[in-house]
Amino acid sequence: MGGRKQKFKQVKPGIYIIGEGITEQYYFTHLKHIYNFSCTVRPRFFCNTCITEIENRIKELLRGDIIIICVFDADVSKRNQKENIKLQKLQQKYGNNKNVIFCDSLPSIEYWFLIHYKDTCPHFTTSKEAEKELNKFITDYEKTETSQ
């Protein structure tokens, strides 16, 4: 016996932000509210560092009149060779699609947060290094759903 198949839910035309991780989701939700951006940021369009899931989201959204901004930490693909290969294939497949925009952050979204507080001339090669420095300014920063 197989599981029930969900019917495709028609999505409204517009700009959708998808990607990996809750940090990116929260960041873009915050920007949307501050600047009153007209875009869709939903938990179902974010997953935990899995290029396959990101590709599934892209395929789902391209069924409609959608522009997709795909955000992810580039350092994940640097430390995981299988994910790196998947990411390269994904970028080759959709790189010329005018409705798909790839936005990677290297070393991570934490680095982007940190530059709001400090001149960041030092080079961070991993997100852990950026997180450690960021904790000096946001002491309770965590990459969890329960942190506020």
Protein backbone atom coordinates (compact mmCIF):
# COMPACT_ATOMS: atom_id res chain seq x y z
CA MET A 1 0.00 0.00 0.00
CA GLY A 2 1.30 3.39 -0.91
CA GLY A 3 0.65 6.67 0.79
CA ARG A 4 -1.92 9.14 -0.42
CA LYS A 5 -0.71 11.37 -3.19
CA GLN A 6 -1.30 15.04 -2.62
CA LYS A 7 -2.88 16.96 -5.44
CA PHE A 8 -0.84 19.85 -6.76
CA LYS A 9 -2.01 23.02 -5.07
CA GLN A 10 -2.10 25.85 -7.58
CA VAL A 11 0.13 28.71 -6.44
CA LYS A 12 -0.53 32.37 -7.16
CA PRO A 13 1.75 34.21 -9.58
CA GLY A 14 4.52 36.21 -7.95
CA ILE A 15 7.93 35.99 -6.34
CA TYR A 16 8.66 33.02 -4.06
CA ILE A 17 11.72 32.67 -1.87
CA ILE A 18 12.81 29.09 -1.28
CA GLY A 19 15.88 27.52 0.20
CA GLU A 20 17.56 25.67 2.96
CA GLY A 21 17.30 26.22 6.65
CA ILE A 22 15.14 28.18 9.02
CA THR A 23 17.72 30.96 9.40
CA GLU A 24 17.24 32.02 5.78
CA GLN A 25 13.48 31.67 6.12
CA TYR A 26 13.37 33.93 9.19
CA TYR A 27 15.71 36.46 7.63
CA PHE A 28 13.63 36.91 4.48
CA THR A 29 10.37 36.91 6.45
CA HIS A 30 11.83 39.72 8.54
CA LEU A 31 12.91 41.70 5.46
CA LYS A 32 9.49 41.19 3.88
CA HIS A 33 7.76 42.75 6.88
CA ILE A 34 10.23 45.61 7.34
CA TYR A 35 10.22 46.70 3.71
CA ASN A 36 6.73 45.51 2.77
CA PHE A 37 8.12 43.34 -0.03
CA SER A 38 5.59 41.59 -2.20
CA CYS A 39 6.90 38.03 -2.10
CA THR A 40 5.99 34.68 -0.59
CA VAL A 41 8.12 33.15 2.16
CA ARG A 42 6.59 29.98 3.59
CA PRO A 43 8.05 27.21 5.79
CA ARG A 44 7.04 24.59 3.22
CA PHE A 45 9.43 26.18 0.72
CA PHE A 46 12.42 25.74 3.03
CA CYS A 47 14.18 22.50 3.93
CA ASN A 48 17.25 21.45 5.88
CA THR A 49 20.21 21.57 3.53
CA CYS A 50 19.06 19.18 0.86
CA ILE A 51 19.57 20.12 -2.77
CA THR A 52 17.12 17.41 -3.88
CA GLU A 53 14.33 19.02 -1.85
CA ILE A 54 15.21 22.47 -3.19
CA GLU A 55 14.95 21.09 -6.73
CA ASN A 56 11.55 19.57 -5.90
CA ARG A 57 10.35 22.99 -4.72
CA ILE A 58 11.63 24.61 -7.93
CA LYS A 59 9.82 22.04 -10.09
CA GLU A 60 6.61 22.52 -8.12
CA LEU A 61 6.69 26.31 -8.39
CA LEU A 62 7.65 26.44 -12.07
CA ARG A 63 4.24 24.98 -12.87
CA GLY A 64 2.85 28.48 -12.27
CA ASP A 65 3.78 31.99 -13.32
CA ILE A 66 6.41 32.24 -10.60
CA ILE A 67 9.80 33.87 -10.10
CA ILE A 68 11.90 31.84 -7.66
CA ILE A 69 14.71 33.22 -5.53
CA CYS A 70 16.63 30.22 -4.23
CA VAL A 71 18.82 30.95 -1.17
CA PHE A 72 21.32 28.62 0.45
CA ASP A 73 24.62 28.49 2.34
CA ALA A 74 27.33 27.69 -0.19
CA ASP A 75 29.61 26.28 2.50
CA VAL A 76 27.36 23.21 2.83
CA SER A 77 28.14 22.12 -0.71
CA LYS A 78 31.84 22.78 -0.10
CA ARG A 79 32.03 20.28 2.76
CA ASN A 80 29.71 17.65 1.25
CA GLN A 81 30.87 16.41 -2.15
CA LYS A 82 27.56 14.69 -3.01
CA GLU A 83 25.57 17.86 -2.28
CA ASN A 84 28.13 19.87 -4.27
CA ILE A 85 27.58 17.68 -7.33
CA LYS A 86 23.79 17.98 -6.92
CA LEU A 87 24.09 21.76 -6.58
CA GLN A 88 26.22 22.06 -9.72
CA LYS A 89 23.68 19.99 -11.68
CA LEU A 90 20.83 22.09 -10.31
CA GLN A 91 22.55 25.33 -11.30
CA GLN A 92 23.29 23.95 -14.78
CA LYS A 93 19.71 22.79 -15.22
CA TYR A 94 18.07 26.08 -14.15
CA GLY A 95 20.91 28.56 -14.68
CA ASN A 96 19.45 29.92 -17.92
CA ASN A 97 15.85 29.93 -16.66
CA LYS A 98 14.80 33.58 -16.27
CA ASN A 99 12.36 32.57 -13.51
CA VAL A 100 15.01 31.03 -11.23
CA ILE A 101 17.56 33.17 -9.39
CA PHE A 102 20.25 31.47 -7.27
CA CYS A 103 21.54 33.40 -4.24
CA ASP A 104 24.24 31.67 -2.27
CA SER A 105 25.96 33.03 0.78
CA LEU A 106 29.54 32.11 1.50
CA PRO A 107 30.46 31.25 4.13
CA SER A 108 26.89 31.55 5.44
CA ILE A 109 23.89 33.72 6.28
CA GLU A 110 25.51 34.29 9.70
CA TYR A 111 28.24 36.23 7.97
CA TRP A 112 25.58 38.50 6.46
CA PHE A 113 24.14 39.11 9.94
CA LEU A 114 27.59 39.82 11.35
CA ILE A 115 28.43 42.56 8.84
CA HIS A 116 25.59 44.61 10.35
CA TYR A 117 27.62 44.82 13.58
CA LYS A 118 31.27 44.70 12.66
CA ASP A 119 33.82 45.37 9.96
CA THR A 120 34.41 41.86 8.75
CA CYS A 121 37.74 42.01 7.02
CA PRO A 122 38.69 38.61 8.47
CA HIS A 123 37.87 35.73 6.17
CA PHE A 124 35.51 33.09 7.61
CA THR A 125 35.75 29.74 5.88
CA THR A 126 32.87 28.07 7.71
CA SER A 127 29.53 29.10 9.13
CA LYS A 128 30.69 27.95 12.61
CA GLU A 129 33.46 30.56 12.57
CA ALA A 130 30.96 33.30 11.64
CA GLU A 131 28.48 32.06 14.28
CA LYS A 132 31.15 32.21 17.00
CA GLU A 133 31.93 35.83 16.12
CA LEU A 134 28.22 36.71 15.80
CA ASN A 135 27.56 35.35 19.30
CA LYS A 136 29.65 38.23 20.66
CA PHE A 137 26.88 40.58 19.47
CA ILE A 138 23.77 38.38 19.60
CA THR A 139 24.49 36.20 22.62
CA ASP A 140 21.39 34.02 22.32
CA TYR A 141 21.69 33.42 18.56
CA GLU A 142 20.98 29.80 17.61
CA LYS A 143 20.00 27.97 14.44
CA THR A 144 16.87 26.46 15.97
CA GLU A 145 13.17 27.05 15.61
CA THR A 146 12.77 27.81 19.34
CA SER A 147 15.28 30.68 19.46
CA GLN A 148 13.77 34.13 19.20
